[in-house]
Structure formats: structure tokens, C-alpha cells
Amino acid sequence: MTPKEKARKLIEKFKEHDYDWIATGNNYCIKQYALVCVDEILDIQQFCNNKNSDVVKFWNEVKIEIKQF
């Protein structure tokens, strides 16, 4: 899965649960939810002292894609 595909998948998951988006179509909150999720994943990587730069790079790219969505 590419970072772009993962970003889209996260946003779609949050759309199902955001009644503001359902009513208005505004995806600002959804993007914020997805960004919090990615930040938590990156924090866990740091906490676990994960040296796998490919994983960290992937999630940072997902974060960029979410912001551009």
C-alpha cells in the first residue's frame, strides 16, 4: 500500500464516524483525526526505539498525503 492509499483509507474510515462531515462535507476535522492517528503511530515508533527508517518514512509520507487531501 502506498502512503497516498493509506492516507485515503484513514480518511475514509473517519468519514464513517464524523456526523459533521455527513452534514456539511467539510473534511477539516477528518484530516485532523487522521493526523492525530499518524502522530500516535510515530510516537509509538519512537517509544519502541524503532530504528526502521522505512516505517517512519512511510508514516511521515502518509502524514504529508493527509495534509494534501
PDB file of N, CA and C in Angstrom:
ATOM      1  N   MET A   1       0.855  -1.172   0.000  1.00  0.00           N
ATOM      2  CA  MET A   1       0.000   0.000   0.000  1.00  0.00           C
ATOM      3  C   MET A   1       0.902   1.236   0.000  1.00  0.00           C
ATOM      4  N   THR A   2       0.555   2.187  -0.822  1.00  0.00           N
ATOM      5  CA  THR A   2       1.330   3.423  -0.879  1.00  0.00           C
ATOM      6  C   THR A   2       0.893   4.378   0.233  1.00  0.00           C
ATOM      7  N   PRO A   3       1.735   5.365   0.556  1.00  0.00           N
ATOM      8  CA  PRO A   3       1.323   6.355   1.551  1.00  0.00           C
ATOM      9  C   PRO A   3       0.027   7.071   1.153  1.00  0.00           C
ATOM     10  N   LYS A   4      -0.140   7.339  -0.127  1.00  0.00           N
ATOM     11  CA  LYS A   4      -1.359   8.011  -0.592  1.00  0.00           C
ATOM     12  C   LYS A   4      -2.588   7.133  -0.358  1.00  0.00           C
ATOM     13  N   GLU A   5      -2.463   5.854  -0.662  1.00  0.00           N
ATOM     14  CA  GLU A   5      -3.577   4.928  -0.447  1.00  0.00           C
ATOM     15  C   GLU A   5      -3.909   4.805   1.042  1.00  0.00           C
ATOM     16  N   LYS A   6      -2.875   4.757   1.882  1.00  0.00           N
ATOM     17  CA  LYS A   6      -3.098   4.645   3.319  1.00  0.00           C
ATOM     18  C   LYS A   6      -3.772   5.908   3.853  1.00  0.00           C
ATOM     19  N   ALA A   7      -3.339   7.066   3.387  1.00  0.00           N
ATOM     20  CA  ALA A   7      -3.954   8.327   3.803  1.00  0.00           C
ATOM     21  C   ALA A   7      -5.432   8.337   3.437  1.00  0.00           C
ATOM     22  N   ARG A   8      -5.745   7.946   2.222  1.00  0.00           N
ATOM     23  CA  ARG A   8      -7.139   7.910   1.766  1.00  0.00           C
ATOM     24  C   ARG A   8      -7.960   6.925   2.597  1.00  0.00           C
ATOM     25  N   LYS A   9      -7.364   5.768   2.921  1.00  0.00           N
ATOM     26  CA  LYS A   9      -8.065   4.759   3.710  1.00  0.00           C
ATOM     27  C   LYS A   9      -8.376   5.287   5.116  1.00  0.00           C
ATOM     28  N   LEU A  10      -7.421   5.956   5.750  1.00  0.00           N
ATOM     29  CA  LEU A  10      -7.656   6.529   7.073  1.00  0.00           C
ATOM     30  C   LEU A  10      -8.768   7.572   7.029  1.00  0.00           C
ATOM     31  N   ILE A  11      -8.714   8.441   6.044  1.00  0.00           N
ATOM     32  CA  ILE A  11      -9.731   9.487   5.920  1.00  0.00           C
ATOM     33  C   ILE A  11     -11.107   8.869   5.705  1.00  0.00           C
ATOM     34  N   GLU A  12     -11.190   7.860   4.870  1.00  0.00           N
ATOM     35  CA  GLU A  12     -12.475   7.198   4.624  1.00  0.00           C
ATOM     36  C   GLU A  12     -13.022   6.553   5.898  1.00  0.00           C
ATOM     37  N   LYS A  13     -12.149   5.966   6.706  1.00  0.00           N
ATOM     38  CA  LYS A  13     -12.608   5.367   7.962  1.00  0.00           C
ATOM     39  C   LYS A  13     -13.199   6.413   8.893  1.00  0.00           C
ATOM     40  N   PHE A  14     -12.556   7.566   8.988  1.00  0.00           N
ATOM     41  CA  PHE A  14     -13.059   8.606   9.875  1.00  0.00           C
ATOM     42  C   PHE A  14     -14.327   9.254   9.335  1.00  0.00           C
ATOM     43  N   LYS A  15     -14.501   9.287   8.032  1.00  0.00           N
ATOM     44  CA  LYS A  15     -15.724   9.850   7.452  1.00  0.00           C
ATOM     45  C   LYS A  15     -16.965   9.109   7.933  1.00  0.00           C
ATOM     46  N   GLU A  16     -16.840   7.816   8.121  1.00  0.00           N
ATOM     47  CA  GLU A  16     -17.977   6.997   8.557  1.00  0.00           C
ATOM     48  C   GLU A  16     -18.489   7.409   9.934  1.00  0.00           C
ATOM     49  N   HIS A  17     -17.633   8.054  10.729  1.00  0.00           N
ATOM     50  CA  HIS A  17     -17.977   8.350  12.115  1.00  0.00           C
ATOM     51  C   HIS A  17     -18.087   9.837  12.417  1.00  0.00           C
ATOM     52  N   ASP A  18     -17.960  10.674  11.408  1.00  0.00           N
ATOM     53  CA  ASP A  18     -17.987  12.125  11.632  1.00  0.00           C
ATOM     54  C   ASP A  18     -19.292  12.694  11.092  1.00  0.00           C
ATOM     55  N   TYR A  19     -20.206  12.993  11.991  1.00  0.00           N
ATOM     56  CA  TYR A  19     -21.527  13.475  11.578  1.00  0.00           C
ATOM     57  C   TYR A  19     -21.473  14.873  10.977  1.00  0.00           C
ATOM     58  N   ASP A  20     -20.465  15.663  11.361  1.00  0.00           N
ATOM     59  CA  ASP A  20     -20.293  16.991  10.756  1.00  0.00           C
ATOM     60  C   ASP A  20     -19.985  16.839   9.274  1.00  0.00           C
ATOM     61  N   TRP A  21     -19.121  15.869   8.935  1.00  0.00           N
ATOM     62  CA  TRP A  21     -18.804  15.656   7.528  1.00  0.00           C
ATOM     63  C   TRP A  21     -20.043  15.182   6.777  1.00  0.00           C
ATOM     64  N   ILE A  22     -20.799  14.308   7.384  1.00  0.00           N
ATOM     65  CA  ILE A  22     -22.009  13.799   6.736  1.00  0.00           C
ATOM     66  C   ILE A  22     -22.967  14.951   6.435  1.00  0.00           C
ATOM     67  N   ALA A  23     -23.061  15.907   7.366  1.00  0.00           N
ATOM     68  CA  ALA A  23     -23.987  17.026   7.198  1.00  0.00           C
ATOM     69  C   ALA A  23     -23.443  18.111   6.270  1.00  0.00           C
ATOM     70  N   THR A  24     -22.133  18.378   6.334  1.00  0.00           N
ATOM     71  CA  THR A  24     -21.586  19.536   5.613  1.00  0.00           C
ATOM     72  C   THR A  24     -20.610  19.187   4.506  1.00  0.00           C
ATOM     73  N   GLY A  25     -20.010  18.017   4.549  1.00  0.00           N
ATOM     74  CA  GLY A  25     -18.991  17.653   3.564  1.00  0.00           C
ATOM     75  C   GLY A  25     -17.635  18.262   3.868  1.00  0.00           C
ATOM     76  N   ASN A  26     -17.500  18.945   5.013  1.00  0.00           N
ATOM     77  CA  ASN A  26     -16.241  19.564   5.401  1.00  0.00           C
ATOM     78  C   ASN A  26     -15.320  18.496   5.980  1.00  0.00           C
ATOM     79  N   ASN A  27     -14.151  18.326   5.374  1.00  0.00           N
ATOM     80  CA  ASN A  27     -13.269  17.259   5.837  1.00  0.00           C
ATOM     81  C   ASN A  27     -12.136  17.751   6.733  1.00  0.00           C
ATOM     82  N   TYR A  28     -12.206  18.977   7.236  1.00  0.00           N
ATOM     83  CA  TYR A  28     -11.140  19.503   8.096  1.00  0.00           C
ATOM     84  C   TYR A  28     -10.956  18.635   9.342  1.00  0.00           C
ATOM     85  N   CYS A  29     -12.027  18.335  10.037  1.00  0.00           N
ATOM     86  CA  CYS A  29     -11.928  17.534  11.262  1.00  0.00           C
ATOM     87  C   CYS A  29     -11.426  16.133  10.958  1.00  0.00           C
ATOM     88  N   ILE A  30     -11.885  15.570   9.872  1.00  0.00           N
ATOM     89  CA  ILE A  30     -11.462  14.222   9.496  1.00  0.00           C
ATOM     90  C   ILE A  30      -9.959  14.188   9.283  1.00  0.00           C
ATOM     91  N   LYS A  31      -9.433  15.190   8.604  1.00  0.00           N
ATOM     92  CA  LYS A  31      -7.989  15.263   8.396  1.00  0.00           C
ATOM     93  C   LYS A  31      -7.256  15.378   9.729  1.00  0.00           C
ATOM     94  N   GLN A  32      -7.798  16.151  10.648  1.00  0.00           N
ATOM     95  CA  GLN A  32      -7.163  16.306  11.954  1.00  0.00           C
ATOM     96  C   GLN A  32      -7.164  14.978  12.720  1.00  0.00           C
ATOM     97  N   TYR A  33      -8.262  14.252  12.647  1.00  0.00           N
ATOM     98  CA  TYR A  33      -8.331  12.943  13.307  1.00  0.00           C
ATOM     99  C   TYR A  33      -7.262  12.002  12.738  1.00  0.00           C
ATOM    100  N   ALA A  34      -7.161  11.971  11.427  1.00  0.00           N
ATOM    101  CA  ALA A  34      -6.188  11.095  10.771  1.00  0.00           C
ATOM    102  C   ALA A  34      -4.756  11.499  11.134  1.00  0.00           C
ATOM    103  N   LEU A  35      -4.504  12.803  11.218  1.00  0.00           N
ATOM    104  CA  LEU A  35      -3.166  13.273  11.587  1.00  0.00           C
ATOM    105  C   LEU A  35      -2.817  12.887  13.022  1.00  0.00           C
ATOM    106  N   VAL A  36      -3.786  12.956  13.916  1.00  0.00           N
ATOM    107  CA  VAL A  36      -3.553  12.528  15.299  1.00  0.00           C
ATOM    108  C   VAL A  36      -3.202  11.036  15.322  1.00  0.00           C
ATOM    109  N   CYS A  37      -3.906  10.270  14.531  1.00  0.00           N
ATOM    110  CA  CYS A  37      -3.656   8.839  14.450  1.00  0.00           C
ATOM    111  C   CYS A  37      -2.217   8.567  13.985  1.00  0.00           C
ATOM    112  N   VAL A  38      -1.798   9.233  12.943  1.00  0.00           N
ATOM    113  CA  VAL A  38      -0.446   9.049  12.416  1.00  0.00           C
ATOM    114  C   VAL A  38       0.595   9.512  13.435  1.00  0.00           C
ATOM    115  N   ASP A  39       0.339  10.626  14.105  1.00  0.00           N
ATOM    116  CA  ASP A  39       1.266  11.097  15.135  1.00  0.00           C
ATOM    117  C   ASP A  39       1.421  10.069  16.249  1.00  0.00           C
ATOM    118  N   GLU A  40       0.336   9.421  16.613  1.00  0.00           N
ATOM    119  CA  GLU A  40       0.403   8.383  17.649  1.00  0.00           C
ATOM    120  C   GLU A  40       1.260   7.209  17.175  1.00  0.00           C
ATOM    121  N   ILE A  41       1.106   6.827  15.936  1.00  0.00           N
ATOM    122  CA  ILE A  41       1.921   5.735  15.381  1.00  0.00           C
ATOM    123  C   ILE A  41       3.394   6.127  15.398  1.00  0.00           C
ATOM    124  N   LEU A  42       3.697   7.351  15.013  1.00  0.00           N
ATOM    125  CA  LEU A  42       5.086   7.812  15.023  1.00  0.00           C
ATOM    126  C   LEU A  42       5.629   7.876  16.454  1.00  0.00           C
ATOM    127  N   ASP A  43       4.798   8.287  17.403  1.00  0.00           N
ATOM    128  CA  ASP A  43       5.228   8.301  18.812  1.00  0.00           C
ATOM    129  C   ASP A  43       5.550   6.893  19.305  1.00  0.00           C
ATOM    130  N   ILE A  44       4.737   5.931  18.913  1.00  0.00           N
ATOM    131  CA  ILE A  44       4.985   4.547  19.315  1.00  0.00           C
ATOM    132  C   ILE A  44       6.303   4.053  18.722  1.00  0.00           C
ATOM    133  N   GLN A  45       6.557   4.408  17.486  1.00  0.00           N
ATOM    134  CA  GLN A  45       7.817   4.015  16.861  1.00  0.00           C
ATOM    135  C   GLN A  45       9.004   4.571  17.643  1.00  0.00           C
ATOM    136  N   GLN A  46       8.874   5.821  18.050  1.00  0.00           N
ATOM    137  CA  GLN A  46       9.944   6.453  18.824  1.00  0.00           C
ATOM    138  C   GLN A  46      10.065   5.802  20.206  1.00  0.00           C
ATOM    139  N   PHE A  47       8.932   5.561  20.858  1.00  0.00           N
ATOM    140  CA  PHE A  47       8.921   4.953  22.187  1.00  0.00           C
ATOM    141  C   PHE A  47       9.572   3.569  22.159  1.00  0.00           C
ATOM    142  N   CYS A  48       9.276   2.820  21.114  1.00  0.00           N
ATOM    143  CA  CYS A  48       9.834   1.472  20.982  1.00  0.00           C
ATOM    144  C   CYS A  48      11.264   1.490  20.467  1.00  0.00           C
ATOM    145  N   ASN A  49      11.768   2.693  20.224  1.00  0.00           N
ATOM    146  CA  ASN A  49      13.134   2.875  19.735  1.00  0.00           C
ATOM    147  C   ASN A  49      13.330   2.124  18.417  1.00  0.00           C
ATOM    148  N   ASN A  50      12.309   2.210  17.573  1.00  0.00           N
ATOM    149  CA  ASN A  50      12.350   1.536  16.287  1.00  0.00           C
ATOM    150  C   ASN A  50      13.309   2.269  15.366  1.00  0.00           C
ATOM    151  N   LYS A  51      14.341   1.578  14.952  1.00  0.00           N
ATOM    152  CA  LYS A  51      15.351   2.175  14.068  1.00  0.00           C
ATOM    153  C   LYS A  51      15.023   1.967  12.588  1.00  0.00           C
ATOM    154  N   ASN A  52      13.864   1.367  12.311  1.00  0.00           N
ATOM    155  CA  ASN A  52      13.475   1.100  10.936  1.00  0.00           C
ATOM    156  C   ASN A  52      13.015   2.396  10.274  1.00  0.00           C
ATOM    157  N   SER A  53      13.930   3.017   9.586  1.00  0.00           N
ATOM    158  CA  SER A  53      13.623   4.312   8.978  1.00  0.00           C
ATOM    159  C   SER A  53      12.575   4.201   7.877  1.00  0.00           C
ATOM    160  N   ASP A  54      12.427   3.013   7.281  1.00  0.00           N
ATOM    161  CA  ASP A  54      11.411   2.836   6.235  1.00  0.00           C
ATOM    162  C   ASP A  54      10.003   2.987   6.809  1.00  0.00           C
ATOM    163  N   VAL A  55       9.799   2.472   8.014  1.00  0.00           N
ATOM    164  CA  VAL A  55       8.486   2.587   8.660  1.00  0.00           C
ATOM    165  C   VAL A  55       8.200   4.044   8.991  1.00  0.00           C
ATOM    166  N   VAL A  56       9.168   4.709   9.588  1.00  0.00           N
ATOM    167  CA  VAL A  56       9.000   6.118   9.957  1.00  0.00           C
ATOM    168  C   VAL A  56       8.808   6.962   8.698  1.00  0.00           C
ATOM    169  N   LYS A  57       9.571   6.681   7.673  1.00  0.00           N
ATOM    170  CA  LYS A  57       9.446   7.415   6.404  1.00  0.00           C
ATOM    171  C   LYS A  57       8.048   7.222   5.815  1.00  0.00           C
ATOM    172  N   PHE A  58       7.552   5.987   5.828  1.00  0.00           N
ATOM    173  CA  PHE A  58       6.227   5.696   5.294  1.00  0.00           C
ATOM    174  C   PHE A  58       5.166   6.532   5.996  1.00  0.00           C
ATOM    175  N   TRP A  59       5.178   6.532   7.347  1.00  0.00           N
ATOM    176  CA  TRP A  59       4.148   7.248   8.095  1.00  0.00           C
ATOM    177  C   TRP A  59       4.289   8.758   7.951  1.00  0.00           C
ATOM    178  N   ASN A  60       5.503   9.244   7.793  1.00  0.00           N
ATOM    179  CA  ASN A  60       5.675  10.677   7.529  1.00  0.00           C
ATOM    180  C   ASN A  60       5.120  11.044   6.158  1.00  0.00           C
ATOM    181  N   GLU A  61       5.265  10.151   5.197  1.00  0.00           N
ATOM    182  CA  GLU A  61       4.693  10.384   3.871  1.00  0.00           C
ATOM    183  C   GLU A  61       3.163  10.319   3.917  1.00  0.00           C
ATOM    184  N   VAL A  62       2.622   9.430   4.726  1.00  0.00           N
ATOM    185  CA  VAL A  62       1.166   9.356   4.911  1.00  0.00           C
ATOM    186  C   VAL A  62       0.671  10.691   5.466  1.00  0.00           C
ATOM    187  N   LYS A  63       1.398  11.222   6.426  1.00  0.00           N
ATOM    188  CA  LYS A  63       1.039  12.497   7.036  1.00  0.00           C
ATOM    189  C   LYS A  63       1.003  13.617   5.989  1.00  0.00           C
ATOM    190  N   ILE A  64       1.979  13.634   5.119  1.00  0.00           N
ATOM    191  CA  ILE A  64       2.007  14.632   4.027  1.00  0.00           C
ATOM    192  C   ILE A  64       0.799  14.467   3.122  1.00  0.00           C
ATOM    193  N   GLU A  65       0.474  13.228   2.779  1.00  0.00           N
ATOM    194  CA  GLU A  65      -0.667  12.964   1.894  1.00  0.00           C
ATOM    195  C   GLU A  65      -1.984  13.392   2.539  1.00  0.00           C
ATOM    196  N   ILE A  66      -2.118  13.167   3.829  1.00  0.00           N
ATOM    197  CA  ILE A  66      -3.335  13.580   4.529  1.00  0.00           C
ATOM    198  C   ILE A  66      -3.494  15.089   4.448  1.00  0.00           C
ATOM    199  N   LYS A  67      -2.413  15.803   4.675  1.00  0.00           N
ATOM    200  CA  LYS A  67      -2.449  17.268   4.632  1.00  0.00           C
ATOM    201  C   LYS A  67      -2.832  17.790   3.245  1.00  0.00           C
ATOM    202  N   GLN A  68      -2.465  17.048   2.200  1.00  0.00           N
ATOM    203  CA  GLN A  68      -2.762  17.464   0.827  1.00  0.00           C
ATOM    204  C   GLN A  68      -4.146  17.031   0.371  1.00  0.00           C
ATOM    205  N   PHE A  69      -4.784  16.163   1.118  1.00  0.00           N
ATOM    206  CA  PHE A  69      -6.083  15.611   0.720  1.00  0.00           C
ATOM    207  C   PHE A  69      -7.143  16.676   0.648  1.00  0.00           C
TER     208      PHE A  69
END
